[in-house]
């Protein structure tokens, strides 16, 4: 399919969301730099960036923009240990992006960090009860243990 798509000049990128990080290598081996590869799964972002993905279509960036950008820039700059440390802290939050209710989870995280609202449009429903409490626990623990970030803005 990609061999057919790359014939068209307006096809310039692919969002890699298969959850198989080896597809980054397969795409690079087959098409070189012809396509920009964007990781589409938050819990695989660092792995795919290190394997040659050009970017990250992030979900939790809505609530944690600094941490998301820090991981991206540190990885691109080869400062892997620093990126890994932030990524490991971030993982419980990133896992909110791989659930069918990812929109509600991410919006709740954005509300908790003071960046957005947890309002969702139908047919989605705002989280309630034990599920909401459970997700809030993950989010609040992430906020409580939020790491100090190294200088990453100038990378």
Protein backbone atom coordinates (compact mmCIF):
# COMPACT_ATOMS: atom_id res chain seq x y z
CA UNK A 1 0.00 0.00 0.00
CA UNK A 2 2.75 2.47 0.88
CA UNK A 3 4.57 1.71 -2.37
CA UNK A 4 1.49 2.96 -4.18
CA UNK A 5 0.98 5.96 -1.91
CA UNK A 6 4.54 7.29 -2.18
CA UNK A 7 4.01 7.80 -5.92
CA UNK A 8 1.88 10.79 -4.97
CA UNK A 9 3.89 13.86 -4.00
CA UNK A 10 1.22 15.10 -1.61
CA UNK A 11 1.64 11.99 0.57
CA UNK A 12 4.46 13.06 2.87
CA UNK A 13 3.93 11.38 6.24
CA UNK A 14 2.47 8.39 8.03
CA UNK A 15 1.10 8.12 11.54
CA UNK A 16 2.49 4.81 12.79
CA UNK A 17 -0.07 3.44 15.26
CA UNK A 18 0.20 -0.31 14.79
CA UNK A 19 1.91 -0.80 18.18
CA UNK A 20 4.70 -2.63 16.36
CA UNK A 21 7.79 -0.45 16.69
CA UNK A 22 9.62 -2.52 14.10
CA UNK A 23 7.43 -0.86 11.47
CA UNK A 24 9.51 2.29 11.86
CA UNK A 25 12.54 0.33 10.72
CA UNK A 26 10.57 -1.40 7.96
CA UNK A 27 9.36 1.96 6.63
CA UNK A 28 12.87 3.45 6.79
CA UNK A 29 14.40 0.41 5.10
CA UNK A 30 11.83 0.45 2.30
CA UNK A 31 11.35 4.18 1.71
CA UNK A 32 14.32 5.92 3.31
CA UNK A 33 13.42 9.49 4.15
CA UNK A 34 10.63 9.71 1.56
CA UNK A 35 7.98 9.60 4.31
CA UNK A 36 8.01 11.40 7.62
CA UNK A 37 7.08 8.90 10.33
CA UNK A 38 5.02 10.10 13.28
CA UNK A 39 4.48 7.89 16.30
CA UNK A 40 0.77 7.63 17.05
CA UNK A 41 0.91 5.64 20.28
CA UNK A 42 1.97 7.57 23.38
CA UNK A 43 3.33 4.49 25.17
CA UNK A 44 5.73 3.80 22.29
CA UNK A 45 6.86 7.33 21.55
CA UNK A 46 10.39 7.18 22.91
CA UNK A 47 11.05 3.78 21.35
CA UNK A 48 9.86 4.94 17.94
CA UNK A 49 11.76 8.23 18.15
CA UNK A 50 14.94 6.30 18.91
CA UNK A 51 14.30 4.01 15.94
CA UNK A 52 13.96 6.93 13.56
CA UNK A 53 10.45 8.35 13.82
CA UNK A 54 10.41 12.05 12.99
CA UNK A 55 7.71 13.09 15.43
CA UNK A 56 4.97 12.16 17.83
CA UNK A 57 1.21 12.67 17.52
CA UNK A 58 0.78 12.93 21.26
CA UNK A 59 -2.36 12.73 23.35
CA UNK A 60 -1.17 13.58 26.86
CA UNK A 61 0.59 16.65 25.47
CA UNK A 62 -2.74 18.36 26.15
CA UNK A 63 -2.14 18.05 29.88
CA UNK A 64 1.66 17.74 30.04
CA UNK A 65 3.13 19.79 27.20
CA UNK A 66 6.52 20.49 28.78
CA UNK A 67 7.22 16.84 29.56
CA UNK A 68 6.14 15.74 26.08
CA UNK A 69 8.35 18.29 24.35
CA UNK A 70 11.24 17.52 26.70
CA UNK A 71 11.14 13.81 25.82
CA UNK A 72 11.01 14.60 22.10
CA UNK A 73 13.84 17.14 22.14
CA UNK A 74 16.06 15.14 24.48
CA UNK A 75 15.64 12.01 22.34
CA UNK A 76 16.42 13.93 19.15
CA UNK A 77 19.50 15.44 20.82
CA UNK A 78 20.77 12.01 21.89
CA UNK A 79 20.29 12.75 25.58
CA UNK A 80 18.69 9.36 26.03
CA UNK A 81 19.12 8.83 29.78
CA UNK A 82 17.36 12.12 30.52
CA UNK A 83 14.55 11.29 28.10
CA UNK A 84 14.15 7.82 29.60
CA UNK A 85 13.88 9.19 33.14
CA UNK A 86 11.02 11.50 32.17
CA UNK A 87 9.39 8.82 30.02
CA UNK A 88 9.39 6.32 32.89
CA UNK A 89 7.69 8.84 35.15
CA UNK A 90 5.23 9.65 32.34
CA UNK A 91 4.29 6.04 31.48
CA UNK A 92 1.31 5.62 33.87
CA UNK A 93 -0.13 8.82 32.39
CA UNK A 94 0.68 7.84 28.81
CA UNK A 95 -1.25 4.61 29.35
CA UNK A 96 -4.40 6.74 29.63
CA UNK A 97 -4.03 7.28 25.86
CA UNK A 98 -4.41 3.59 24.94
CA UNK A 99 -7.87 3.04 26.38
CA UNK A 100 -11.21 3.37 24.55
CA UNK A 101 -12.04 6.31 26.85
CA UNK A 102 -8.79 8.10 26.04
CA UNK A 103 -10.60 11.33 25.20
CA UNK A 104 -12.26 11.50 28.62
CA UNK A 105 -9.05 10.47 30.38
CA UNK A 106 -6.91 13.06 28.58
CA UNK A 107 -9.46 15.82 29.08
CA UNK A 108 -9.66 14.99 32.79
CA UNK A 109 -5.86 15.18 32.98
CA UNK A 110 -5.91 18.55 31.21
CA UNK A 111 -8.52 19.83 33.68
CA UNK A 112 -6.43 18.61 36.63
CA UNK A 113 -3.33 20.40 35.34
CA UNK A 114 -5.33 23.59 34.82
CA UNK A 115 -4.91 23.58 31.05
CA UNK A 116 -8.34 22.50 29.86
CA UNK A 117 -11.78 21.21 30.65
CA UNK A 118 -13.07 17.69 31.11
CA UNK A 119 -16.16 18.50 29.02
CA UNK A 120 -16.70 15.98 26.22
CA UNK A 121 -19.17 15.96 23.35
CA UNK A 122 -21.79 13.26 22.89
CA UNK A 123 -21.79 10.36 22.53
CA UNK A 124 -18.91 10.42 25.03
CA UNK A 125 -19.84 10.93 28.67
CA UNK A 126 -17.93 12.59 31.48
CA UNK A 127 -16.35 10.05 33.80
CA UNK A 128 -18.14 9.22 37.03
CA UNK A 129 -17.81 7.10 40.14
CA UNK A 130 -15.07 4.57 40.75
CA UNK A 131 -13.66 4.85 37.23
CA UNK A 132 -13.26 8.63 37.60
CA UNK A 133 -11.68 8.17 41.03
CA UNK A 134 -9.24 5.60 39.65
CA UNK A 135 -8.16 7.81 36.74
CA UNK A 136 -7.87 10.85 39.02
CA UNK A 137 -5.59 8.82 41.27
CA UNK A 138 -3.21 8.14 38.35
CA UNK A 139 -3.30 11.77 37.24
CA UNK A 140 -2.81 13.22 40.71
CA UNK A 141 0.09 10.87 41.43
CA UNK A 142 1.71 12.02 38.20
CA UNK A 143 1.23 15.65 39.14
CA UNK A 144 2.54 15.00 42.67
CA UNK A 145 5.70 13.31 41.39
CA UNK A 146 6.22 15.53 38.34
CA UNK A 147 9.96 15.65 37.67
CA UNK A 148 12.12 18.73 37.37
CA UNK A 149 13.00 19.01 33.71
CA UNK A 150 16.49 19.61 32.34
CA UNK A 151 17.06 22.47 29.91
CA UNK A 152 15.45 21.19 26.73
CA UNK A 153 14.06 24.29 25.03
CA UNK A 154 17.32 25.14 23.29
CA UNK A 155 17.99 21.69 21.86
